PDB file of N, CA and C in Angstrom:
ATOM      1  N   MET A   1    -113.005 245.994 -54.109  1.00  0.00           N
ATOM      2  CA  MET A   1    -111.933 244.473 -53.632  1.00  0.00           C
ATOM      3  C   MET A   1    -112.885 243.356 -53.620  1.00  0.00           C
ATOM      4  N   ASN A   2    -112.622 242.364 -54.075  1.00  0.00           N
ATOM      5  CA  ASN A   2    -113.739 241.244 -54.100  1.00  0.00           C
ATOM      6  C   ASN A   2    -113.651 240.292 -52.932  1.00  0.00           C
ATOM      7  N   ALA A   3    -114.457 239.532 -52.852  1.00  0.00           N
ATOM      8  CA  ALA A   3    -113.742 238.496 -51.479  1.00  0.00           C
ATOM      9  C   ALA A   3    -112.728 237.803 -51.103  1.00  0.00           C
ATOM     10  N   ILE A   4    -111.883 237.442 -52.618  1.00  0.00           N
ATOM     11  CA  ILE A   4    -110.655 236.745 -52.285  1.00  0.00           C
ATOM     12  C   ILE A   4    -109.486 237.838 -52.072  1.00  0.00           C
ATOM     13  N   ASP A   5    -109.777 238.993 -52.460  1.00  0.00           N
ATOM     14  CA  ASP A   5    -108.648 240.197 -52.055  1.00  0.00           C
ATOM     15  C   ASP A   5    -108.756 240.287 -50.466  1.00  0.00           C
ATOM     16  N   THR A   6    -110.052 240.503 -50.031  1.00  0.00           N
ATOM     17  CA  THR A   6    -110.238 240.677 -48.516  1.00  0.00           C
ATOM     18  C   THR A   6    -109.884 239.322 -47.948  1.00  0.00           C
ATOM     19  N   GLY A   7    -110.142 238.236 -48.314  1.00  0.00           N
ATOM     20  CA  GLY A   7    -109.787 237.235 -47.113  1.00  0.00           C
ATOM     21  C   GLY A   7    -107.992 236.775 -47.522  1.00  0.00           C
ATOM     22  N   MET A   8    -107.387 237.189 -48.410  1.00  0.00           N
ATOM     23  CA  MET A   8    -105.853 237.264 -48.734  1.00  0.00           C
ATOM     24  C   MET A   8    -105.244 238.203 -47.773  1.00  0.00           C
ATOM     25  N   LEU A   9    -106.263 239.426 -47.708  1.00  0.00           N
ATOM     26  CA  LEU A   9    -105.373 240.556 -46.794  1.00  0.00           C
ATOM     27  C   LEU A   9    -105.667 240.169 -45.383  1.00  0.00           C
ATOM     28  N   ARG A  10    -106.665 239.447 -44.898  1.00  0.00           N
ATOM     29  CA  ARG A  10    -106.680 239.082 -43.542  1.00  0.00           C
ATOM     30  C   ARG A  10    -105.640 238.065 -43.237  1.00  0.00           C
ATOM     31  N   TYR A  11    -105.308 237.133 -44.109  1.00  0.00           N
ATOM     32  CA  TYR A  11    -104.458 236.281 -44.101  1.00  0.00           C
ATOM     33  C   TYR A  11    -103.232 236.591 -43.856  1.00  0.00           C
ATOM     34  N   ASN A  12    -102.595 237.569 -44.770  1.00  0.00           N
ATOM     35  CA  ASN A  12    -101.414 237.701 -44.957  1.00  0.00           C
ATOM     36  C   ASN A  12    -101.291 238.836 -43.499  1.00  0.00           C
ATOM     37  N   ASN A  13    -102.171 239.648 -42.805  1.00  0.00           N
ATOM     38  CA  ASN A  13    -101.994 240.179 -42.223  1.00  0.00           C
ATOM     39  C   ASN A  13    -101.999 239.820 -40.715  1.00  0.00           C
ATOM     40  N   GLN A  14    -102.615 238.675 -40.730  1.00  0.00           N
ATOM     41  CA  GLN A  14    -102.323 238.152 -39.071  1.00  0.00           C
ATOM     42  C   GLN A  14    -101.349 237.867 -38.438  1.00  0.00           C
ATOM     43  N   ALA A  15    -101.804 237.447 -37.103  1.00  0.00           N
ATOM     44  CA  ALA A  15    -100.207 237.781 -35.921  1.00  0.00           C
ATOM     45  C   ALA A  15     -99.753 236.210 -36.544  1.00  0.00           C
ATOM     46  N   LEU A  16     -98.231 236.357 -36.252  1.00  0.00           N
ATOM     47  CA  LEU A  16     -97.576 235.217 -36.109  1.00  0.00           C
ATOM     48  C   LEU A  16     -97.779 234.029 -35.106  1.00  0.00           C
ATOM     49  N   LYS A  17     -97.932 232.901 -35.407  1.00  0.00           N
ATOM     50  CA  LYS A  17     -97.970 232.346 -34.109  1.00  0.00           C
ATOM     51  C   LYS A  17     -96.543 231.139 -33.932  1.00  0.00           C
ATOM     52  N   LEU A  18     -96.262 231.454 -32.666  1.00  0.00           N
ATOM     53  CA  LEU A  18     -95.036 230.733 -32.753  1.00  0.00           C
ATOM     54  C   LEU A  18     -95.182 229.662 -31.580  1.00  0.00           C
ATOM     55  N   PRO A  19     -94.496 228.250 -31.803  1.00  0.00           N
ATOM     56  CA  PRO A  19     -94.893 227.314 -30.865  1.00  0.00           C
ATOM     57  C   PRO A  19     -94.656 228.052 -29.507  1.00  0.00           C
ATOM     58  N   SER A  20     -95.058 227.515 -28.355  1.00  0.00           N
ATOM     59  CA  SER A  20     -95.044 227.919 -26.800  1.00  0.00           C
ATOM     60  C   SER A  20     -93.946 227.196 -26.211  1.00  0.00           C
ATOM     61  N   GLY A  21     -92.999 227.522 -25.361  1.00  0.00           N
ATOM     62  CA  GLY A  21     -92.448 226.788 -24.679  1.00  0.00           C
ATOM     63  C   GLY A  21     -91.137 226.109 -25.044  1.00  0.00           C
ATOM     64  N   ALA A  22     -90.741 226.485 -26.597  1.00  0.00           N
ATOM     65  CA  ALA A  22     -89.693 226.221 -26.852  1.00  0.00           C
ATOM     66  C   ALA A  22     -88.855 227.667 -27.313  1.00  0.00           C
ATOM     67  N   ALA A  23     -87.375 227.214 -26.916  1.00  0.00           N
ATOM     68  CA  ALA A  23     -86.350 228.192 -27.166  1.00  0.00           C
ATOM     69  C   ALA A  23     -86.493 229.056 -28.603  1.00  0.00           C
ATOM     70  N   GLN A  24     -86.396 229.803 -29.115  1.00  0.00           N
ATOM     71  CA  GLN A  24     -86.744 230.598 -30.248  1.00  0.00           C
ATOM     72  C   GLN A  24     -85.658 231.267 -30.711  1.00  0.00           C
ATOM     73  N   VAL A  25     -85.090 230.798 -32.062  1.00  0.00           N
ATOM     74  CA  VAL A  25     -83.935 231.787 -32.733  1.00  0.00           C
ATOM     75  C   VAL A  25     -84.377 232.734 -33.498  1.00  0.00           C
ATOM     76  N   GLN A  26     -83.974 233.706 -33.206  1.00  0.00           N
ATOM     77  CA  GLN A  26     -84.207 235.107 -33.522  1.00  0.00           C
ATOM     78  C   GLN A  26     -85.707 235.438 -34.016  1.00  0.00           C
ATOM     79  N   GLY A  27     -86.739 234.858 -33.238  1.00  0.00           N
ATOM     80  CA  GLY A  27     -88.087 234.603 -33.358  1.00  0.00           C
ATOM     81  C   GLY A  27     -88.652 234.015 -34.843  1.00  0.00           C
ATOM     82  N   THR A  28     -87.884 233.311 -35.564  1.00  0.00           N
ATOM     83  CA  THR A  28     -88.382 232.368 -36.530  1.00  0.00           C
ATOM     84  C   THR A  28     -89.091 231.435 -36.135  1.00  0.00           C
ATOM     85  N   GLY A  29     -89.594 231.073 -34.867  1.00  0.00           N
ATOM     86  CA  GLY A  29     -90.141 229.727 -34.691  1.00  0.00           C
ATOM     87  C   GLY A  29     -89.072 228.668 -34.903  1.00  0.00           C
ATOM     88  N   ALA A  30     -87.847 228.760 -35.021  1.00  0.00           N
ATOM     89  CA  ALA A  30     -86.990 227.617 -35.129  1.00  0.00           C
ATOM     90  C   ALA A  30     -86.634 227.129 -33.668  1.00  0.00           C
ATOM     91  N   THR A  31     -86.383 225.892 -33.397  1.00  0.00           N
ATOM     92  CA  THR A  31     -86.095 225.596 -32.226  1.00  0.00           C
ATOM     93  C   THR A  31     -84.426 225.174 -31.803  1.00  0.00           C
ATOM     94  N   ILE A  32     -83.955 225.427 -30.654  1.00  0.00           N
ATOM     95  CA  ILE A  32     -82.735 225.169 -30.595  1.00  0.00           C
ATOM     96  C   ILE A  32     -82.217 223.956 -30.005  1.00  0.00           C
ATOM     97  N   ALA A  33     -81.356 223.311 -30.076  1.00  0.00           N
ATOM     98  CA  ALA A  33     -80.958 221.978 -28.988  1.00  0.00           C
ATOM     99  C   ALA A  33     -80.900 222.649 -27.694  1.00  0.00           C
ATOM    100  N   PRO A  34     -81.384 221.723 -26.898  1.00  0.00           N
ATOM    101  CA  PRO A  34     -81.133 221.921 -25.316  1.00  0.00           C
ATOM    102  C   PRO A  34     -79.850 222.368 -25.031  1.00  0.00           C
ATOM    103  N   GLY A  35     -79.300 222.782 -24.294  1.00  0.00           N
ATOM    104  CA  GLY A  35     -78.185 223.493 -23.586  1.00  0.00           C
ATOM    105  C   GLY A  35     -77.291 223.883 -25.014  1.00  0.00           C
ATOM    106  N   GLY A  36     -77.832 224.671 -26.077  1.00  0.00           N
ATOM    107  CA  GLY A  36     -77.225 225.000 -27.613  1.00  0.00           C
ATOM    108  C   GLY A  36     -75.831 226.176 -27.177  1.00  0.00           C
ATOM    109  N   ALA A  37     -75.107 225.626 -26.258  1.00  0.00           N
ATOM    110  CA  ALA A  37     -73.887 226.380 -26.308  1.00  0.00           C
ATOM    111  C   ALA A  37     -73.094 226.096 -27.574  1.00  0.00           C
ATOM    112  N   ILE A  38     -72.454 226.939 -27.903  1.00  0.00           N
ATOM    113  CA  ILE A  38     -71.906 226.847 -29.321  1.00  0.00           C
ATOM    114  C   ILE A  38     -70.283 226.729 -28.933  1.00  0.00           C
ATOM    115  N   ASP A  39     -69.770 225.785 -29.525  1.00  0.00           N
ATOM    116  CA  ASP A  39     -68.020 225.984 -29.251  1.00  0.00           C
ATOM    117  C   ASP A  39     -67.346 226.354 -30.636  1.00  0.00           C
ATOM    118  N   ARG A  40     -67.269 227.762 -30.535  1.00  0.00           N
ATOM    119  CA  ARG A  40     -66.797 228.260 -31.759  1.00  0.00           C
ATOM    120  C   ARG A  40     -65.409 228.264 -32.016  1.00  0.00           C
ATOM    121  N   LYS A  41     -64.351 227.127 -31.259  1.00  0.00           N
ATOM    122  CA  LYS A  41     -63.214 226.727 -31.794  1.00  0.00           C
ATOM    123  C   LYS A  41     -63.294 225.648 -32.288  1.00  0.00           C
ATOM    124  N   SER A  42     -64.129 224.837 -32.173  1.00  0.00           N
ATOM    125  CA  SER A  42     -64.108 223.328 -32.730  1.00  0.00           C
ATOM    126  C   SER A  42     -64.262 223.275 -34.177  1.00  0.00           C
ATOM    127  N   LYS A  43     -63.657 222.544 -34.952  1.00  0.00           N
ATOM    128  CA  LYS A  43     -63.722 222.005 -36.271  1.00  0.00           C
ATOM    129  C   LYS A  43     -64.927 222.056 -36.932  1.00  0.00           C
ATOM    130  N   LEU A  44     -66.292 221.462 -36.185  1.00  0.00           N
ATOM    131  CA  LEU A  44     -67.678 221.474 -36.724  1.00  0.00           C
ATOM    132  C   LEU A  44     -68.287 222.713 -37.058  1.00  0.00           C
ATOM    133  N   TYR A  45     -68.030 223.710 -35.918  1.00  0.00           N
ATOM    134  CA  TYR A  45     -67.947 225.303 -36.309  1.00  0.00           C
ATOM    135  C   TYR A  45     -67.385 226.060 -37.110  1.00  0.00           C
ATOM    136  N   GLU A  46     -66.020 225.321 -37.238  1.00  0.00           N
ATOM    137  CA  GLU A  46     -65.707 226.127 -38.463  1.00  0.00           C
ATOM    138  C   GLU A  46     -65.840 225.669 -39.874  1.00  0.00           C
ATOM    139  N   GLN A  47     -66.306 224.218 -39.813  1.00  0.00           N
ATOM    140  CA  GLN A  47     -66.968 224.172 -41.234  1.00  0.00           C
ATOM    141  C   GLN A  47     -68.067 224.563 -41.742  1.00  0.00           C
ATOM    142  N   CYS A  48     -69.159 224.539 -40.525  1.00  0.00           N
ATOM    143  CA  CYS A  48     -70.308 225.322 -40.680  1.00  0.00           C
ATOM    144  C   CYS A  48     -70.216 226.522 -41.272  1.00  0.00           C
ATOM    145  N   GLN A  49     -68.679 227.509 -40.563  1.00  0.00           N
ATOM    146  CA  GLN A  49     -69.143 228.921 -41.050  1.00  0.00           C
ATOM    147  C   GLN A  49     -68.192 228.774 -42.315  1.00  0.00           C
ATOM    148  N   GLU A  50     -67.531 227.880 -42.946  1.00  0.00           N
ATOM    149  CA  GLU A  50     -67.278 227.719 -44.425  1.00  0.00           C
ATOM    150  C   GLU A  50     -67.924 227.468 -45.136  1.00  0.00           C
ATOM    151  N   PHE A  51     -69.160 227.014 -44.791  1.00  0.00           N
ATOM    152  CA  PHE A  51     -70.530 226.699 -45.532  1.00  0.00           C
ATOM    153  C   PHE A  51     -71.410 227.504 -45.239  1.00  0.00           C
ATOM    154  N   GLU A  52     -71.352 228.509 -44.657  1.00  0.00           N
ATOM    155  CA  GLU A  52     -72.067 229.890 -44.575  1.00  0.00           C
ATOM    156  C   GLU A  52     -71.294 230.675 -45.883  1.00  0.00           C
ATOM    157  N   SER A  53     -70.286 230.837 -45.734  1.00  0.00           N
ATOM    158  CA  SER A  53     -69.145 231.304 -46.526  1.00  0.00           C
ATOM    159  C   SER A  53     -69.859 231.149 -47.787  1.00  0.00           C
ATOM    160  N   ILE A  54     -69.833 229.945 -48.128  1.00  0.00           N
ATOM    161  CA  ILE A  54     -70.086 229.500 -49.590  1.00  0.00           C
ATOM    162  C   ILE A  54     -71.592 229.890 -49.803  1.00  0.00           C
ATOM    163  N   PHE A  55     -72.694 230.103 -49.056  1.00  0.00           N
ATOM    164  CA  PHE A  55     -73.775 230.371 -49.185  1.00  0.00           C
ATOM    165  C   PHE A  55     -73.721 231.706 -49.613  1.00  0.00           C
ATOM    166  N   VAL A  56     -72.732 232.317 -48.593  1.00  0.00           N
ATOM    167  CA  VAL A  56     -73.017 234.284 -49.060  1.00  0.00           C
ATOM    168  C   VAL A  56     -72.234 234.396 -49.943  1.00  0.00           C
ATOM    169  N   LYS A  57     -71.268 233.642 -50.789  1.00  0.00           N
ATOM    170  CA  LYS A  57     -70.716 233.966 -51.818  1.00  0.00           C
ATOM    171  C   LYS A  57     -72.044 233.750 -53.283  1.00  0.00           C
ATOM    172  N   MET A  58     -72.600 232.609 -52.842  1.00  0.00           N
ATOM    173  CA  MET A  58     -73.684 232.555 -53.812  1.00  0.00           C
ATOM    174  C   MET A  58     -74.649 233.820 -53.928  1.00  0.00           C
ATOM    175  N   MET A  59     -74.602 234.078 -53.065  1.00  0.00           N
ATOM    176  CA  MET A  59     -75.741 235.496 -52.941  1.00  0.00           C
ATOM    177  C   MET A  59     -74.931 236.547 -53.617  1.00  0.00           C
ATOM    178  N   LEU A  60     -73.844 237.004 -53.212  1.00  0.00           N
ATOM    179  CA  LEU A  60     -72.665 237.950 -53.730  1.00  0.00           C
ATOM    180  C   LEU A  60     -72.801 237.849 -55.412  1.00  0.00           C
ATOM    181  N   LYS A  61     -72.759 236.843 -55.915  1.00  0.00           N
ATOM    182  CA  LYS A  61     -72.371 236.275 -57.079  1.00  0.00           C
ATOM    183  C   LYS A  61     -73.869 236.901 -58.076  1.00  0.00           C
ATOM    184  N   GLU A  62     -74.854 236.139 -57.178  1.00  0.00           N
ATOM    185  CA  GLU A  62     -76.317 236.431 -57.888  1.00  0.00           C
ATOM    186  C   GLU A  62     -76.505 238.162 -57.973  1.00  0.00           C
ATOM    187  N   MET A  63     -75.860 238.740 -56.836  1.00  0.00           N
ATOM    188  CA  MET A  63     -76.218 239.866 -56.664  1.00  0.00           C
ATOM    189  C   MET A  63     -75.523 240.669 -57.923  1.00  0.00           C
ATOM    190  N   LYS A  64     -74.515 240.194 -58.556  1.00  0.00           N
ATOM    191  CA  LYS A  64     -73.216 240.973 -58.967  1.00  0.00           C
ATOM    192  C   LYS A  64     -74.099 240.788 -60.125  1.00  0.00           C
ATOM    193  N   ALA A  65     -74.415 239.548 -60.409  1.00  0.00           N
ATOM    194  CA  ALA A  65     -75.028 239.233 -62.024  1.00  0.00           C
ATOM    195  C   ALA A  65     -76.123 240.401 -62.193  1.00  0.00           C
ATOM    196  N   THR A  66     -76.765 240.860 -61.338  1.00  0.00           N
ATOM    197  CA  THR A  66     -77.963 241.790 -61.771  1.00  0.00           C
ATOM    198  C   THR A  66     -77.222 243.231 -62.366  1.00  0.00           C
ATOM    199  N   VAL A  67     -75.871 243.644 -62.218  1.00  0.00           N
ATOM    200  CA  VAL A  67     -75.600 244.831 -62.509  1.00  0.00           C
ATOM    201  C   VAL A  67     -74.949 244.874 -64.077  1.00  0.00           C
ATOM    202  N   PRO A  68     -75.520 245.716 -64.616  1.00  0.00           N
ATOM    203  CA  PRO A  68     -74.867 245.404 -66.019  1.00  0.00           C
ATOM    204  C   PRO A  68     -73.344 245.806 -66.202  1.00  0.00           C
ATOM    205  N   LYS A  69     -72.957 245.118 -67.384  1.00  0.00           N
ATOM    206  CA  LYS A  69     -71.367 245.672 -67.728  1.00  0.00           C
ATOM    207  C   LYS A  69     -71.403 246.932 -68.282  1.00  0.00           C
ATOM    208  N   ASN A  70     -70.581 247.720 -67.896  1.00  0.00           N
ATOM    209  CA  ASN A  70     -69.761 249.153 -68.539  1.00  0.00           C
ATOM    210  C   ASN A  70     -68.714 248.865 -69.747  1.00  0.00           C
ATOM    211  N   GLY A  71     -68.404 249.969 -70.197  1.00  0.00           N
ATOM    212  CA  GLY A  71     -67.234 249.878 -71.323  1.00  0.00           C
ATOM    213  C   GLY A  71     -66.095 250.080 -70.429  1.00  0.00           C
ATOM    214  N   LEU A  72     -66.145 250.871 -69.065  1.00  0.00           N
ATOM    215  CA  LEU A  72     -64.841 250.996 -68.290  1.00  0.00           C
ATOM    216  C   LEU A  72     -64.159 249.745 -68.174  1.00  0.00           C
ATOM    217  N   MET A  73     -65.279 248.798 -67.495  1.00  0.00           N
ATOM    218  CA  MET A  73     -64.666 247.457 -66.880  1.00  0.00           C
ATOM    219  C   MET A  73     -65.431 246.457 -67.637  1.00  0.00           C
ATOM    220  N   GLY A  74     -64.981 246.667 -68.849  1.00  0.00           N
ATOM    221  CA  GLY A  74     -65.649 245.293 -69.978  1.00  0.00           C
ATOM    222  C   GLY A  74     -65.428 244.106 -69.541  1.00  0.00           C
ATOM    223  N   GLY A  75     -64.410 243.414 -68.584  1.00  0.00           N
ATOM    224  CA  GLY A  75     -64.459 242.074 -68.456  1.00  0.00           C
ATOM    225  C   GLY A  75     -63.542 241.291 -69.118  1.00  0.00           C
ATOM    226  N   GLY A  76     -64.005 240.293 -69.380  1.00  0.00           N
ATOM    227  CA  GLY A  76     -62.384 239.380 -69.833  1.00  0.00           C
ATOM    228  C   GLY A  76     -62.436 238.510 -68.775  1.00  0.00           C
ATOM    229  N   GLN A  77     -61.581 237.168 -69.290  1.00  0.00           N
ATOM    230  CA  GLN A  77     -61.404 236.030 -68.704  1.00  0.00           C
ATOM    231  C   GLN A  77     -60.594 236.650 -67.008  1.00  0.00           C
ATOM    232  N   ALA A  78     -59.392 237.738 -66.952  1.00  0.00           N
ATOM    233  CA  ALA A  78     -58.798 237.951 -65.983  1.00  0.00           C
ATOM    234  C   ALA A  78     -59.670 238.804 -64.784  1.00  0.00           C
ATOM    235  N   GLU A  79     -60.696 239.467 -65.219  1.00  0.00           N
ATOM    236  CA  GLU A  79     -61.314 240.069 -64.415  1.00  0.00           C
ATOM    237  C   GLU A  79     -62.515 239.222 -63.803  1.00  0.00           C
ATOM    238  N   GLU A  80     -62.812 238.235 -64.687  1.00  0.00           N
ATOM    239  CA  GLU A  80     -63.823 237.388 -63.928  1.00  0.00           C
ATOM    240  C   GLU A  80     -63.251 236.515 -62.809  1.00  0.00           C
ATOM    241  N   ILE A  81     -61.596 235.671 -63.019  1.00  0.00           N
ATOM    242  CA  ILE A  81     -60.803 234.866 -62.094  1.00  0.00           C
ATOM    243  C   ILE A  81     -60.861 236.279 -61.062  1.00  0.00           C
ATOM    244  N   PHE A  82     -60.353 237.525 -61.351  1.00  0.00           N
ATOM    245  CA  PHE A  82     -60.212 238.239 -59.878  1.00  0.00           C
ATOM    246  C   PHE A  82     -61.455 238.303 -58.708  1.00  0.00           C
ATOM    247  N   GLY A  83     -62.504 238.740 -60.044  1.00  0.00           N
ATOM    248  CA  GLY A  83     -64.205 239.179 -59.285  1.00  0.00           C
ATOM    249  C   GLY A  83     -64.521 237.742 -58.406  1.00  0.00           C
ATOM    250  N   ASP A  84     -64.194 236.491 -58.905  1.00  0.00           N
ATOM    251  CA  ASP A  84     -64.478 235.734 -58.027  1.00  0.00           C
ATOM    252  C   ASP A  84     -63.554 235.043 -57.091  1.00  0.00           C
ATOM    253  N   MET A  85     -62.454 235.496 -56.738  1.00  0.00           N
ATOM    254  CA  MET A  85     -61.318 235.317 -55.857  1.00  0.00           C
ATOM    255  C   MET A  85     -61.569 236.495 -54.658  1.00  0.00           C
ATOM    256  N   LEU A  86     -62.161 237.492 -55.287  1.00  0.00           N
ATOM    257  CA  LEU A  86     -62.553 238.897 -54.462  1.00  0.00           C
ATOM    258  C   LEU A  86     -63.865 238.396 -53.660  1.00  0.00           C
ATOM    259  N   GLN A  87     -65.037 237.962 -54.619  1.00  0.00           N
ATOM    260  CA  GLN A  87     -66.083 237.193 -53.679  1.00  0.00           C
ATOM    261  C   GLN A  87     -65.404 236.483 -52.563  1.00  0.00           C
ATOM    262  N   ASP A  88     -64.840 235.681 -52.961  1.00  0.00           N
ATOM    263  CA  ASP A  88     -64.503 234.719 -51.804  1.00  0.00           C
ATOM    264  C   ASP A  88     -63.955 235.206 -50.630  1.00  0.00           C
ATOM    265  N   GLU A  89     -63.085 235.884 -50.871  1.00  0.00           N
ATOM    266  CA  GLU A  89     -62.553 237.003 -49.657  1.00  0.00           C
ATOM    267  C   GLU A  89     -63.828 237.595 -49.040  1.00  0.00           C
ATOM    268  N   TYR A  90     -64.691 238.487 -49.777  1.00  0.00           N
ATOM    269  CA  TYR A  90     -65.802 239.354 -49.288  1.00  0.00           C
ATOM    270  C   TYR A  90     -66.535 238.364 -48.401  1.00  0.00           C
ATOM    271  N   ALA A  91     -66.965 237.219 -48.827  1.00  0.00           N
ATOM    272  CA  ALA A  91     -67.747 236.226 -48.263  1.00  0.00           C
ATOM    273  C   ALA A  91     -67.241 235.507 -47.091  1.00  0.00           C
ATOM    274  N   LYS A  92     -65.632 235.374 -46.650  1.00  0.00           N
ATOM    275  CA  LYS A  92     -65.197 235.178 -45.819  1.00  0.00           C
ATOM    276  C   LYS A  92     -65.291 235.883 -44.654  1.00  0.00           C
ATOM    277  N   SER A  93     -64.713 237.158 -44.980  1.00  0.00           N
ATOM    278  CA  SER A  93     -64.916 238.012 -44.281  1.00  0.00           C
ATOM    279  C   SER A  93     -66.432 238.757 -43.461  1.00  0.00           C
ATOM    280  N   MET A  94     -67.271 238.592 -44.195  1.00  0.00           N
ATOM    281  CA  MET A  94     -68.688 238.935 -44.160  1.00  0.00           C
ATOM    282  C   MET A  94     -69.153 237.649 -43.117  1.00  0.00           C
ATOM    283  N   THR A  95     -68.769 236.425 -43.341  1.00  0.00           N
ATOM    284  CA  THR A  95     -69.229 235.641 -42.455  1.00  0.00           C
ATOM    285  C   THR A  95     -68.317 236.065 -40.991  1.00  0.00           C
ATOM    286  N   LYS A  96     -67.395 236.199 -40.706  1.00  0.00           N
ATOM    287  CA  LYS A  96     -66.637 236.289 -39.866  1.00  0.00           C
ATOM    288  C   LYS A  96     -67.155 237.586 -38.736  1.00  0.00           C
ATOM    289  N   ALA A  97     -67.285 238.459 -39.619  1.00  0.00           N
ATOM    290  CA  ALA A  97     -67.604 239.900 -38.991  1.00  0.00           C
ATOM    291  C   ALA A  97     -69.179 239.906 -38.591  1.00  0.00           C
ATOM    292  N   GLN A  98     -70.004 239.287 -39.238  1.00  0.00           N
ATOM    293  CA  GLN A  98     -71.576 239.421 -39.131  1.00  0.00           C
ATOM    294  C   GLN A  98     -71.912 237.871 -38.676  1.00  0.00           C
ATOM    295  N   ASN A  99     -73.010 238.371 -37.899  1.00  0.00           N
ATOM    296  CA  ASN A  99     -73.730 237.124 -37.246  1.00  0.00           C
ATOM    297  C   ASN A  99     -75.228 236.751 -38.104  1.00  0.00           C
ATOM    298  N   PHE A 100     -74.858 235.952 -39.160  1.00  0.00           N
ATOM    299  CA  PHE A 100     -76.224 235.508 -40.255  1.00  0.00           C
ATOM    300  C   PHE A 100     -76.806 234.805 -39.411  1.00  0.00           C
ATOM    301  N   GLY A 101     -76.118 234.063 -38.422  1.00  0.00           N
ATOM    302  CA  GLY A 101     -76.833 232.885 -37.857  1.00  0.00           C
ATOM    303  C   GLY A 101     -77.217 231.644 -38.612  1.00  0.00           C
ATOM    304  N   PHE A 102     -76.740 231.436 -39.921  1.00  0.00           N
ATOM    305  CA  PHE A 102     -76.672 230.078 -40.350  1.00  0.00           C
ATOM    306  C   PHE A 102     -75.976 229.168 -39.956  1.00  0.00           C
ATOM    307  N   ALA A 103     -74.611 229.575 -39.783  1.00  0.00           N
ATOM    308  CA  ALA A 103     -73.601 228.703 -39.173  1.00  0.00           C
ATOM    309  C   ALA A 103     -74.081 228.352 -37.563  1.00  0.00           C
ATOM    310  N   ASP A 104     -74.681 229.175 -37.004  1.00  0.00           N
ATOM    311  CA  ASP A 104     -74.886 228.787 -35.898  1.00  0.00           C
ATOM    312  C   ASP A 104     -76.149 227.752 -35.795  1.00  0.00           C
ATOM    313  N   THR A 105     -77.090 227.898 -36.376  1.00  0.00           N
ATOM    314  CA  THR A 105     -78.084 227.084 -36.904  1.00  0.00           C
ATOM    315  C   THR A 105     -77.655 225.768 -36.992  1.00  0.00           C
ATOM    316  N   LEU A 106     -76.724 225.716 -38.260  1.00  0.00           N
ATOM    317  CA  LEU A 106     -76.424 224.512 -38.877  1.00  0.00           C
ATOM    318  C   LEU A 106     -75.318 223.512 -37.805  1.00  0.00           C
ATOM    319  N   TYR A 107     -74.688 224.439 -37.245  1.00  0.00           N
ATOM    320  CA  TYR A 107     -73.898 223.787 -36.220  1.00  0.00           C
ATOM    321  C   TYR A 107     -74.878 223.040 -34.990  1.00  0.00           C
ATOM    322  N   ARG A 108     -75.750 223.749 -34.645  1.00  0.00           N
ATOM    323  CA  ARG A 108     -76.547 223.304 -33.491  1.00  0.00           C
ATOM    324  C   ARG A 108     -77.415 221.975 -33.638  1.00  0.00           C
ATOM    325  N   GLN A 109     -77.728 221.924 -35.488  1.00  0.00           N
ATOM    326  CA  GLN A 109     -78.381 220.922 -35.858  1.00  0.00           C
ATOM    327  C   GLN A 109     -77.256 219.755 -35.929  1.00  0.00           C
ATOM    328  N   LEU A 110     -76.141 220.003 -36.273  1.00  0.00           N
ATOM    329  CA  LEU A 110     -75.216 218.698 -36.398  1.00  0.00           C
ATOM    330  C   LEU A 110     -74.929 218.079 -35.499  1.00  0.00           C
ATOM    331  N   SER A 111     -74.385 219.230 -34.359  1.00  0.00           N
ATOM    332  CA  SER A 111     -74.074 218.888 -33.385  1.00  0.00           C
ATOM    333  C   SER A 111     -75.142 217.729 -32.451  1.00  0.00           C
ATOM    334  N   THR A 112     -76.273 218.134 -32.793  1.00  0.00           N
ATOM    335  CA  THR A 112     -77.321 217.496 -32.028  1.00  0.00           C
ATOM    336  C   THR A 112     -77.385 215.814 -32.621  1.00  0.00           C
ATOM    337  N   LEU A 113     -77.489 215.626 -34.217  1.00  0.00           N
ATOM    338  CA  LEU A 113     -77.508 214.680 -34.978  1.00  0.00           C
ATOM    339  C   LEU A 113     -76.383 214.073 -34.420  1.00  0.00           C
ATOM    340  N   GLY A 114     -74.927 214.464 -34.032  1.00  0.00           N
ATOM    341  CA  GLY A 114     -73.956 213.588 -33.558  1.00  0.00           C
ATOM    342  C   GLY A 114     -74.115 213.306 -32.443  1.00  0.00           C
ATOM    343  N   ALA A 115     -74.925 213.995 -31.672  1.00  0.00           N
ATOM    344  CA  ALA A 115     -75.124 213.266 -29.931  1.00  0.00           C
ATOM    345  C   ALA A 115     -76.421 212.147 -29.992  1.00  0.00           C
ATOM    346  N   GLN A 116     -77.514 212.385 -30.945  1.00  0.00           N
ATOM    347  CA  GLN A 116     -78.028 211.239 -31.024  1.00  0.00           C
ATOM    348  C   GLN A 116     -77.463 210.087 -31.511  1.00  0.00           C
ATOM    349  N   THR A 117     -76.772 210.116 -32.751  1.00  0.00           N
ATOM    350  CA  THR A 117     -76.027 209.321 -33.196  1.00  0.00           C
ATOM    351  C   THR A 117     -75.255 208.578 -32.407  1.00  0.00           C
ATOM    352  N   LEU A 118     -74.440 208.797 -31.551  1.00  0.00           N
ATOM    353  CA  LEU A 118     -73.645 208.554 -30.474  1.00  0.00           C
ATOM    354  C   LEU A 118     -74.636 207.871 -29.462  1.00  0.00           C
ATOM    355  N   THR A 119     -75.738 208.368 -28.969  1.00  0.00           N
ATOM    356  CA  THR A 119     -76.431 207.332 -27.785  1.00  0.00           C
ATOM    357  C   THR A 119     -77.377 206.631 -28.325  1.00  0.00           C
ATOM    358  N   THR A 120     -77.757 206.655 -29.597  1.00  0.00           N
ATOM    359  CA  THR A 120     -78.318 205.247 -30.369  1.00  0.00           C
ATOM    360  C   THR A 120     -77.626 204.412 -30.979  1.00  0.00           C
ATOM    361  N   GLY A 121     -76.788 204.821 -31.307  1.00  0.00           N
ATOM    362  CA  GLY A 121     -75.601 203.840 -32.030  1.00  0.00           C
ATOM    363  C   GLY A 121     -75.656 203.702 -33.477  1.00  0.00           C
ATOM    364  N   LEU A 122     -76.489 204.885 -34.295  1.00  0.00           N
ATOM    365  CA  LEU A 122     -77.257 204.739 -35.654  1.00  0.00           C
ATOM    366  C   LEU A 122     -75.812 205.451 -36.098  1.00  0.00           C
TER     367      LEU A 122
END
């Protein structure tokens, strides 16, 4: 091992330093808005979940692209359309059933921006 390799190992294995005194989101260092209660019935949260669903669908589509096609399910336009609609539904149900955290984070950011806009008039 040369000096660059040992230096890189030390850098990669150092402890993660998080900001002190700030509320944390799942240990990532991201801060949440003060009074970060989430109104899960609001239109804003509904739109944030929809955005998260689109993101999850993109992830599923890229994952499916790595699987090679075989002769049994050879494809065709109808299969592509059905597969796309199926991925849509999978993404929606995954977003509602699991807490990925993306919709929550987006909601907090957008609701904070909305509160700042109301108070500053920007």
